Amino acid sequence: YFETLRRLRVEDSRFQYIARQVPASKAEKVVAD
């Protein structure tokens, strides 16, 4: 949670990794929701 919170607030950035190598169906469902 805390690392994700930090990444969601990074200044002067337009791209931050949140999770890597997630099964495609799972990742797309989370983002769609």
PDB file of all heavy atoms in Angstrom:
ATOM      1  N   TYR A   1       0.819  -1.211   0.000  1.00  0.00           N
ATOM      2  CA  TYR A   1       0.000   0.000   0.000  1.00  0.00           C
ATOM      3  C   TYR A   1       0.856   1.266   0.000  1.00  0.00           C
ATOM      4  O   TYR A   1       0.633   2.179  -0.798  1.00  0.00           O
ATOM      5  CB  TYR A   1      -0.927   0.005   1.215  1.00  0.00           C
ATOM      6  CG  TYR A   1      -1.635   1.333   1.420  1.00  0.00           C
ATOM      7  CD1 TYR A   1      -2.788   1.645   0.703  1.00  0.00           C
ATOM      8  CD2 TYR A   1      -1.127   2.288   2.301  1.00  0.00           C
ATOM      9  CE1 TYR A   1      -3.428   2.867   0.864  1.00  0.00           C
ATOM     10  CE2 TYR A   1      -1.759   3.512   2.479  1.00  0.00           C
ATOM     11  CZ  TYR A   1      -2.907   3.802   1.758  1.00  0.00           C
ATOM     12  OH  TYR A   1      -3.528   5.015   1.911  1.00  0.00           O
ATOM     13  N   PHE A   2       1.830   1.327   0.881  1.00  0.00           N
ATOM     14  CA  PHE A   2       2.593   2.571   1.051  1.00  0.00           C
ATOM     15  C   PHE A   2       3.495   2.852  -0.155  1.00  0.00           C
ATOM     16  O   PHE A   2       3.626   4.008  -0.574  1.00  0.00           O
ATOM     17  CB  PHE A   2       3.422   2.508   2.345  1.00  0.00           C
ATOM     18  CG  PHE A   2       2.575   2.471   3.573  1.00  0.00           C
ATOM     19  CD1 PHE A   2       2.384   1.285   4.271  1.00  0.00           C
ATOM     20  CD2 PHE A   2       1.931   3.614   4.028  1.00  0.00           C
ATOM     21  CE1 PHE A   2       1.584   1.243   5.407  1.00  0.00           C
ATOM     22  CE2 PHE A   2       1.129   3.589   5.164  1.00  0.00           C
ATOM     23  CZ  PHE A   2       0.949   2.391   5.852  1.00  0.00           C
ATOM     24  N   GLU A   3       4.089   1.811  -0.726  1.00  0.00           N
ATOM     25  CA  GLU A   3       4.904   2.020  -1.928  1.00  0.00           C
ATOM     26  C   GLU A   3       4.029   2.434  -3.099  1.00  0.00           C
ATOM     27  O   GLU A   3       4.395   3.295  -3.910  1.00  0.00           O
ATOM     28  CB  GLU A   3       5.679   0.737  -2.258  1.00  0.00           C
ATOM     29  CG  GLU A   3       6.485   0.787  -3.551  1.00  0.00           C
ATOM     30  CD  GLU A   3       7.594   1.824  -3.535  1.00  0.00           C
ATOM     31  OE1 GLU A   3       7.907   2.387  -2.466  1.00  0.00           O
ATOM     32  OE2 GLU A   3       8.150   2.092  -4.623  1.00  0.00           O
ATOM     33  N   THR A   4       2.842   1.829  -3.193  1.00  0.00           N
ATOM     34  CA  THR A   4       1.911   2.203  -4.257  1.00  0.00           C
ATOM     35  C   THR A   4       1.444   3.648  -4.088  1.00  0.00           C
ATOM     36  O   THR A   4       1.377   4.413  -5.063  1.00  0.00           O
ATOM     37  CB  THR A   4       0.709   1.249  -4.265  1.00  0.00           C
ATOM     38  OG1 THR A   4       1.177  -0.090  -4.448  1.00  0.00           O
ATOM     39  CG2 THR A   4      -0.271   1.603  -5.377  1.00  0.00           C
ATOM     40  N   LEU A   5       1.140   4.033  -2.860  1.00  0.00           N
ATOM     41  CA  LEU A   5       0.724   5.404  -2.584  1.00  0.00           C
ATOM     42  C   LEU A   5       1.807   6.384  -3.002  1.00  0.00           C
ATOM     43  O   LEU A   5       1.530   7.430  -3.614  1.00  0.00           O
ATOM     44  CB  LEU A   5       0.400   5.565  -1.095  1.00  0.00           C
ATOM     45  CG  LEU A   5      -0.081   6.945  -0.644  1.00  0.00           C
ATOM     46  CD1 LEU A   5      -1.408   7.301  -1.299  1.00  0.00           C
ATOM     47  CD2 LEU A   5      -0.203   6.986   0.885  1.00  0.00           C
ATOM     48  N   ARG A   6       3.061   6.043  -2.700  1.00  0.00           N
ATOM     49  CA  ARG A   6       4.173   6.917  -3.076  1.00  0.00           C
ATOM     50  C   ARG A   6       4.263   7.057  -4.588  1.00  0.00           C
ATOM     51  O   ARG A   6       4.428   8.157  -5.117  1.00  0.00           O
ATOM     52  CB  ARG A   6       5.487   6.354  -2.526  1.00  0.00           C
ATOM     53  CG  ARG A   6       6.696   7.254  -2.765  1.00  0.00           C
ATOM     54  CD  ARG A   6       7.994   6.538  -2.459  1.00  0.00           C
ATOM     55  NE  ARG A   6       8.256   5.483  -3.426  1.00  0.00           N
ATOM     56  CZ  ARG A   6       8.714   5.703  -4.656  1.00  0.00           C
ATOM     57  NH1 ARG A   6       8.945   6.933  -5.083  1.00  0.00           N
ATOM     58  NH2 ARG A   6       8.931   4.691  -5.470  1.00  0.00           N
ATOM     59  N   ARG A   7       4.113   5.950  -5.297  1.00  0.00           N
ATOM     60  CA  ARG A   7       4.215   5.986  -6.753  1.00  0.00           C
ATOM     61  C   ARG A   7       3.053   6.765  -7.385  1.00  0.00           C
ATOM     62  O   ARG A   7       3.229   7.427  -8.406  1.00  0.00           O
ATOM     63  CB  ARG A   7       4.265   4.566  -7.303  1.00  0.00           C
ATOM     64  CG  ARG A   7       5.572   3.845  -6.991  1.00  0.00           C
ATOM     65  CD  ARG A   7       5.569   2.408  -7.497  1.00  0.00           C
ATOM     66  NE  ARG A   7       6.847   1.779  -7.181  1.00  0.00           N
ATOM     67  CZ  ARG A   7       7.930   1.835  -7.943  1.00  0.00           C
ATOM     68  NH1 ARG A   7       7.877   2.501  -9.090  1.00  0.00           N
ATOM     69  NH2 ARG A   7       9.061   1.265  -7.582  1.00  0.00           N
ATOM     70  N   LEU A   8       1.900   6.673  -6.808  1.00  0.00           N
ATOM     71  CA  LEU A   8       0.746   7.402  -7.345  1.00  0.00           C
ATOM     72  C   LEU A   8       0.875   8.908  -7.174  1.00  0.00           C
ATOM     73  O   LEU A   8       0.131   9.673  -7.804  1.00  0.00           O
ATOM     74  CB  LEU A   8      -0.541   6.918  -6.665  1.00  0.00           C
ATOM     75  CG  LEU A   8      -0.952   5.472  -6.945  1.00  0.00           C
ATOM     76  CD1 LEU A   8      -2.137   5.072  -6.060  1.00  0.00           C
ATOM     77  CD2 LEU A   8      -1.299   5.271  -8.416  1.00  0.00           C
ATOM     78  N   ARG A   9       1.827   9.337  -6.322  1.00  0.00           N
ATOM     79  CA  ARG A   9       1.989  10.765  -6.038  1.00  0.00           C
ATOM     80  C   ARG A   9       3.310  11.344  -6.532  1.00  0.00           C
ATOM     81  O   ARG A   9       3.647  12.481  -6.213  1.00  0.00           O
ATOM     82  CB  ARG A   9       1.911  10.992  -4.526  1.00  0.00           C
ATOM     83  CG  ARG A   9       0.504  10.811  -3.945  1.00  0.00           C
ATOM     84  CD  ARG A   9       0.557  10.865  -2.435  1.00  0.00           C
ATOM     85  NE  ARG A   9      -0.748  11.072  -1.836  1.00  0.00           N
ATOM     86  CZ  ARG A   9      -0.991  10.992  -0.527  1.00  0.00           C
ATOM     87  NH1 ARG A   9      -0.008  10.703   0.315  1.00  0.00           N
ATOM     88  NH2 ARG A   9      -2.210  11.199  -0.061  1.00  0.00           N
ATOM     89  N   VAL A  10       4.089  10.583  -7.283  1.00  0.00           N
ATOM     90  CA  VAL A  10       5.402  11.054  -7.719  1.00  0.00           C
ATOM     91  C   VAL A  10       5.256  12.337  -8.545  1.00  0.00           C
ATOM     92  O   VAL A  10       4.460  12.393  -9.494  1.00  0.00           O
ATOM     93  CB  VAL A  10       6.124   9.968  -8.537  1.00  0.00           C
ATOM     94  CG1 VAL A  10       7.399  10.526  -9.162  1.00  0.00           C
ATOM     95  CG2 VAL A  10       6.443   8.764  -7.662  1.00  0.00           C
ATOM     96  N   GLU A  11       6.008  13.343  -8.180  1.00  0.00           N
ATOM     97  CA  GLU A  11       5.968  14.619  -8.902  1.00  0.00           C
ATOM     98  C   GLU A  11       6.726  14.524 -10.220  1.00  0.00           C
ATOM     99  O   GLU A  11       7.698  13.771 -10.345  1.00  0.00           O
ATOM    100  CB  GLU A  11       6.579  15.732  -8.036  1.00  0.00           C
ATOM    101  CG  GLU A  11       5.806  16.018  -6.748  1.00  0.00           C
ATOM    102  CD  GLU A  11       4.462  16.686  -7.014  1.00  0.00           C
ATOM    103  OE1 GLU A  11       4.307  17.291  -8.094  1.00  0.00           O
ATOM    104  OE2 GLU A  11       3.561  16.582  -6.154  1.00  0.00           O
ATOM    105  N   ASP A  12       6.287  15.315 -11.193  1.00  0.00           N
ATOM    106  CA  ASP A  12       6.961  15.431 -12.489  1.00  0.00           C
ATOM    107  C   ASP A  12       7.164  14.073 -13.165  1.00  0.00           C
ATOM    108  O   ASP A  12       8.190  13.811 -13.784  1.00  0.00           O
ATOM    109  CB  ASP A  12       8.319  16.137 -12.320  1.00  0.00           C
ATOM    110  CG  ASP A  12       8.164  17.532 -11.738  1.00  0.00           C
ATOM    111  OD1 ASP A  12       7.177  18.212 -12.112  1.00  0.00           O
ATOM    112  OD2 ASP A  12       9.002  17.927 -10.910  1.00  0.00           O
ATOM    113  N   SER A  13       6.197  13.181 -13.000  1.00  0.00           N
ATOM    114  CA  SER A  13       6.272  11.874 -13.653  1.00  0.00           C
ATOM    115  C   SER A  13       4.943  11.593 -14.331  1.00  0.00           C
ATOM    116  O   SER A  13       3.882  11.936 -13.819  1.00  0.00           O
ATOM    117  CB  SER A  13       6.574  10.771 -12.629  1.00  0.00           C
ATOM    118  OG  SER A  13       6.481   9.489 -13.247  1.00  0.00           O
ATOM    119  N   ARG A  14       5.013  10.972 -15.492  1.00  0.00           N
ATOM    120  CA  ARG A  14       3.807  10.579 -16.209  1.00  0.00           C
ATOM    121  C   ARG A  14       3.696   9.056 -16.326  1.00  0.00           C
ATOM    122  O   ARG A  14       2.762   8.553 -16.941  1.00  0.00           O
ATOM    123  CB  ARG A  14       3.827  11.184 -17.625  1.00  0.00           C
ATOM    124  CG  ARG A  14       3.937  12.687 -17.683  1.00  0.00           C
ATOM    125  CD  ARG A  14       2.775  13.376 -16.995  1.00  0.00           C
ATOM    126  NE  ARG A  14       1.476  12.952 -17.472  1.00  0.00           N
ATOM    127  CZ  ARG A  14       0.885  13.445 -18.579  1.00  0.00           C
ATOM    128  NH1 ARG A  14       1.484  14.384 -19.298  1.00  0.00           N
ATOM    129  NH2 ARG A  14      -0.310  13.012 -18.948  1.00  0.00           N
ATOM    130  N   PHE A  15       4.647   8.306 -15.695  1.00  0.00           N
ATOM    131  CA  PHE A  15       4.657   6.843 -15.857  1.00  0.00           C
ATOM    132  C   PHE A  15       5.289   6.222 -14.624  1.00  0.00           C
ATOM    133  O   PHE A  15       6.461   6.455 -14.326  1.00  0.00           O
ATOM    134  CB  PHE A  15       5.441   6.463 -17.108  1.00  0.00           C
ATOM    135  CG  PHE A  15       5.405   4.992 -17.440  1.00  0.00           C
ATOM    136  CD1 PHE A  15       4.473   4.500 -18.337  1.00  0.00           C
ATOM    137  CD2 PHE A  15       6.302   4.114 -16.861  1.00  0.00           C
ATOM    138  CE1 PHE A  15       4.448   3.148 -18.666  1.00  0.00           C
ATOM    139  CE2 PHE A  15       6.286   2.769 -17.172  1.00  0.00           C
ATOM    140  CZ  PHE A  15       5.343   2.274 -18.082  1.00  0.00           C
ATOM    141  N   GLN A  16       4.541   5.417 -13.899  1.00  0.00           N
ATOM    142  CA  GLN A  16       5.050   4.687 -12.744  1.00  0.00           C
ATOM    143  C   GLN A  16       4.500   3.262 -12.763  1.00  0.00           C
ATOM    144  O   GLN A  16       3.305   3.042 -12.965  1.00  0.00           O
ATOM    145  CB  GLN A  16       4.625   5.371 -11.438  1.00  0.00           C
ATOM    146  CG  GLN A  16       5.368   6.652 -11.122  1.00  0.00           C
ATOM    147  CD  GLN A  16       6.818   6.398 -10.747  1.00  0.00           C
ATOM    148  OE1 GLN A  16       7.115   5.531  -9.927  1.00  0.00           O
ATOM    149  NE2 GLN A  16       7.719   7.157 -11.360  1.00  0.00           N
ATOM    150  N   TYR A  17       5.423   2.289 -12.546  1.00  0.00           N
ATOM    151  CA  TYR A  17       4.978   0.909 -12.418  1.00  0.00           C
ATOM    152  C   TYR A  17       4.203   0.733 -11.119  1.00  0.00           C
ATOM    153  O   TYR A  17       4.630   1.184 -10.051  1.00  0.00           O
ATOM    154  CB  TYR A  17       6.168  -0.040 -12.386  1.00  0.00           C
ATOM    155  CG  TYR A  17       6.932  -0.149 -13.686  1.00  0.00           C
ATOM    156  CD1 TYR A  17       8.190   0.440 -13.819  1.00  0.00           C
ATOM    157  CD2 TYR A  17       6.409  -0.859 -14.759  1.00  0.00           C
ATOM    158  CE1 TYR A  17       8.902   0.329 -15.006  1.00  0.00           C
ATOM    159  CE2 TYR A  17       7.117  -0.971 -15.948  1.00  0.00           C
ATOM    160  CZ  TYR A  17       8.352  -0.373 -16.060  1.00  0.00           C
ATOM    161  OH  TYR A  17       9.054  -0.485 -17.235  1.00  0.00           O
ATOM    162  N   ILE A  18       3.074   0.041 -11.197  1.00  0.00           N
ATOM    163  CA  ILE A  18       2.321  -0.331 -10.005  1.00  0.00           C
ATOM    164  C   ILE A  18       2.450  -1.823  -9.741  1.00  0.00           C
ATOM    165  O   ILE A  18       2.693  -2.252  -8.616  1.00  0.00           O
ATOM    166  CB  ILE A  18       0.834   0.059 -10.149  1.00  0.00           C
ATOM    167  CG1 ILE A  18       0.719   1.572 -10.356  1.00  0.00           C
ATOM    168  CG2 ILE A  18       0.035  -0.389  -8.927  1.00  0.00           C
ATOM    169  CD1 ILE A  18       1.291   2.406  -9.221  1.00  0.00           C
ATOM    170  N   ALA A  19       2.321  -2.649 -10.774  1.00  0.00           N
ATOM    171  CA  ALA A  19       2.482  -4.099 -10.643  1.00  0.00           C
ATOM    172  C   ALA A  19       3.021  -4.653 -11.949  1.00  0.00           C
ATOM    173  O   ALA A  19       2.647  -4.185 -13.024  1.00  0.00           O
ATOM    174  CB  ALA A  19       1.152  -4.759 -10.286  1.00  0.00           C
ATOM    175  N   ARG A  20       3.892  -5.640 -11.838  1.00  0.00           N
ATOM    176  CA  ARG A  20       4.498  -6.256 -13.010  1.00  0.00           C
ATOM    177  C   ARG A  20       4.054  -7.699 -13.143  1.00  0.00           C
ATOM    178  O   ARG A  20       3.755  -8.374 -12.167  1.00  0.00           O
ATOM    179  CB  ARG A  20       6.035  -6.223 -12.905  1.00  0.00           C
ATOM    180  CG  ARG A  20       6.662  -4.835 -12.849  1.00  0.00           C
ATOM    181  CD  ARG A  20       6.569  -4.091 -14.163  1.00  0.00           C
ATOM    182  NE  ARG A  20       7.034  -4.839 -15.312  1.00  0.00           N
ATOM    183  CZ  ARG A  20       8.289  -4.838 -15.748  1.00  0.00           C
ATOM    184  NH1 ARG A  20       9.208  -4.120 -15.123  1.00  0.00           N
ATOM    185  NH2 ARG A  20       8.631  -5.536 -16.821  1.00  0.00           N
ATOM    186  N   GLN A  21       4.047  -8.176 -14.385  1.00  0.00           N
ATOM    187  CA  GLN A  21       3.772  -9.573 -14.719  1.00  0.00           C
ATOM    188  C   GLN A  21       2.495 -10.078 -14.051  1.00  0.00           C
ATOM    189  O   GLN A  21       2.470 -11.081 -13.346  1.00  0.00           O
ATOM    190  CB  GLN A  21       4.961 -10.451 -14.335  1.00  0.00           C
ATOM    191  CG  GLN A  21       6.199 -10.161 -15.176  1.00  0.00           C
ATOM    192  CD  GLN A  21       7.198 -11.288 -15.162  1.00  0.00           C
ATOM    193  OE1 GLN A  21       7.265 -12.066 -14.221  1.00  0.00           O
ATOM    194  NE2 GLN A  21       7.985 -11.389 -16.217  1.00  0.00           N
ATOM    195  N   VAL A  22       1.427  -9.355 -14.300  1.00  0.00           N
ATOM    196  CA  VAL A  22       0.116  -9.746 -13.801  1.00  0.00           C
ATOM    197  C   VAL A  22      -0.597 -10.512 -14.917  1.00  0.00           C
ATOM    198  O   VAL A  22      -0.537 -10.106 -16.086  1.00  0.00           O
ATOM    199  CB  VAL A  22      -0.707  -8.497 -13.406  1.00  0.00           C
ATOM    200  CG1 VAL A  22      -2.062  -8.899 -12.834  1.00  0.00           C
ATOM    201  CG2 VAL A  22       0.074  -7.640 -12.416  1.00  0.00           C
ATOM    202  N   PRO A  23      -1.286 -11.617 -14.607  1.00  0.00           N
ATOM    203  CA  PRO A  23      -2.062 -12.288 -15.649  1.00  0.00           C
ATOM    204  C   PRO A  23      -2.965 -11.293 -16.371  1.00  0.00           C
ATOM    205  O   PRO A  23      -3.605 -10.445 -15.734  1.00  0.00           O
ATOM    206  CB  PRO A  23      -2.869 -13.326 -14.867  1.00  0.00           C
ATOM    207  CG  PRO A  23      -2.003 -13.641 -13.682  1.00  0.00           C
ATOM    208  CD  PRO A  23      -1.352 -12.337 -13.322  1.00  0.00           C
ATOM    209  N   ALA A  24      -3.009 -11.394 -17.687  1.00  0.00           N
ATOM    210  CA  ALA A  24      -3.674 -10.372 -18.495  1.00  0.00           C
ATOM    211  C   ALA A  24      -5.118 -10.130 -18.081  1.00  0.00           C
ATOM    212  O   ALA A  24      -5.556  -8.984 -17.937  1.00  0.00           O
ATOM    213  CB  ALA A  24      -3.599 -10.770 -19.976  1.00  0.00           C
ATOM    214  N   SER A  25      -5.889 -11.201 -17.880  1.00  0.00           N
ATOM    215  CA  SER A  25      -7.304 -11.032 -17.541  1.00  0.00           C
ATOM    216  C   SER A  25      -7.485 -10.323 -16.204  1.00  0.00           C
ATOM    217  O   SER A  25      -8.375  -9.480 -16.043  1.00  0.00           O
ATOM    218  CB  SER A  25      -7.998 -12.398 -17.511  1.00  0.00           C
ATOM    219  OG  SER A  25      -7.383 -13.248 -16.564  1.00  0.00           O
ATOM    220  N   LYS A  26      -6.621 -10.630 -15.251  1.00  0.00           N
ATOM    221  CA  LYS A  26      -6.721 -10.003 -13.931  1.00  0.00           C
ATOM    222  C   LYS A  26      -6.386  -8.526 -14.007  1.00  0.00           C
ATOM    223  O   LYS A  26      -7.099  -7.674 -13.452  1.00  0.00           O
ATOM    224  CB  LYS A  26      -5.776 -10.707 -12.950  1.00  0.00           C
ATOM    225  CG  LYS A  26      -5.804 -10.136 -11.544  1.00  0.00           C
ATOM    226  CD  LYS A  26      -4.874 -10.923 -10.626  1.00  0.00           C
ATOM    227  CE  LYS A  26      -4.896 -10.362  -9.211  1.00  0.00           C
ATOM    228  NZ  LYS A  26      -4.011 -11.135  -8.311  1.00  0.00           N
ATOM    229  N   ALA A  27      -5.274  -8.201 -14.686  1.00  0.00           N
ATOM    230  CA  ALA A  27      -4.850  -6.801 -14.786  1.00  0.00           C
ATOM    231  C   ALA A  27      -5.912  -5.955 -15.483  1.00  0.00           C
ATOM    232  O   ALA A  27      -6.246  -4.852 -15.033  1.00  0.00           O
ATOM    233  CB  ALA A  27      -3.522  -6.709 -15.530  1.00  0.00           C
ATOM    234  N   GLU A  28      -6.433  -6.471 -16.581  1.00  0.00           N
ATOM    235  CA  GLU A  28      -7.408  -5.698 -17.345  1.00  0.00           C
ATOM    236  C   GLU A  28      -8.719  -5.504 -16.580  1.00  0.00           C
ATOM    237  O   GLU A  28      -9.358  -4.464 -16.678  1.00  0.00           O
ATOM    238  CB  GLU A  28      -7.650  -6.390 -18.687  1.00  0.00           C
ATOM    239  CG  GLU A  28      -6.442  -6.249 -19.621  1.00  0.00           C
ATOM    240  CD  GLU A  28      -6.476  -7.206 -20.792  1.00  0.00           C
ATOM    241  OE1 GLU A  28      -7.438  -8.004 -20.877  1.00  0.00           O
ATOM    242  OE2 GLU A  28      -5.533  -7.160 -21.615  1.00  0.00           O
ATOM    243  N   LYS A  29      -9.115  -6.503 -15.778  1.00  0.00           N
ATOM    244  CA  LYS A  29     -10.334  -6.373 -14.977  1.00  0.00           C
ATOM    245  C   LYS A  29     -10.162  -5.318 -13.894  1.00  0.00           C
ATOM    246  O   LYS A  29     -11.055  -4.469 -13.677  1.00  0.00           O
ATOM    247  CB  LYS A  29     -10.655  -7.721 -14.324  1.00  0.00           C
ATOM    248  CG  LYS A  29     -11.918  -7.712 -13.448  1.00  0.00           C
ATOM    249  CD  LYS A  29     -13.161  -7.543 -14.300  1.00  0.00           C
ATOM    250  CE  LYS A  29     -14.434  -7.855 -13.515  1.00  0.00           C
ATOM    251  NZ  LYS A  29     -14.739  -6.885 -12.483  1.00  0.00           N
ATOM    252  N   VAL A  30      -9.014  -5.319 -13.215  1.00  0.00           N
ATOM    253  CA  VAL A  30      -8.762  -4.336 -12.152  1.00  0.00           C
ATOM    254  C   VAL A  30      -8.772  -2.924 -12.737  1.00  0.00           C
ATOM    255  O   VAL A  30      -9.413  -2.014 -12.197  1.00  0.00           O
ATOM    256  CB  VAL A  30      -7.425  -4.621 -11.443  1.00  0.00           C
ATOM    257  CG1 VAL A  30      -7.053  -3.469 -10.512  1.00  0.00           C
ATOM    258  CG2 VAL A  30      -7.511  -5.927 -10.654  1.00  0.00           C
ATOM    259  N   VAL A  31      -8.067  -2.727 -13.839  1.00  0.00           N
ATOM    260  CA  VAL A  31      -7.995  -1.390 -14.443  1.00  0.00           C
ATOM    261  C   VAL A  31      -9.361  -0.948 -14.951  1.00  0.00           C
ATOM    262  O   VAL A  31      -9.761   0.216 -14.778  1.00  0.00           O
ATOM    263  CB  VAL A  31      -6.941  -1.364 -15.564  1.00  0.00           C
ATOM    264  CG1 VAL A  31      -7.018  -0.055 -16.343  1.00  0.00           C
ATOM    265  CG2 VAL A  31      -5.541  -1.542 -14.981  1.00  0.00           C
ATOM    266  N   ALA A  32     -10.105  -1.857 -15.549  1.00  0.00           N
ATOM    267  CA  ALA A  32     -11.439  -1.503 -16.036  1.00  0.00           C
ATOM    268  C   ALA A  32     -12.357  -1.077 -14.893  1.00  0.00           C
ATOM    269  O   ALA A  32     -13.114  -0.106 -15.014  1.00  0.00           O
ATOM    270  CB  ALA A  32     -12.044  -2.686 -16.792  1.00  0.00           C
ATOM    271  N   ASP A  33     -12.264  -1.787 -13.776  1.00  0.00           N
ATOM    272  CA  ASP A  33     -13.085  -1.434 -12.613  1.00  0.00           C
ATOM    273  C   ASP A  33     -12.707  -0.065 -12.057  1.00  0.00           C
ATOM    274  O   ASP A  33     -13.579   0.728 -11.680  1.00  0.00           O
ATOM    275  CB  ASP A  33     -12.939  -2.499 -11.529  1.00  0.00           C
ATOM    276  CG  ASP A  33     -13.610  -3.818 -11.907  1.00  0.00           C
ATOM    277  OD1 ASP A  33     -14.343  -3.831 -12.912  1.00  0.00           O
ATOM    278  OD2 ASP A  33     -13.369  -4.821 -11.209  1.00  0.00           O
TER     279      ASP A  33
END
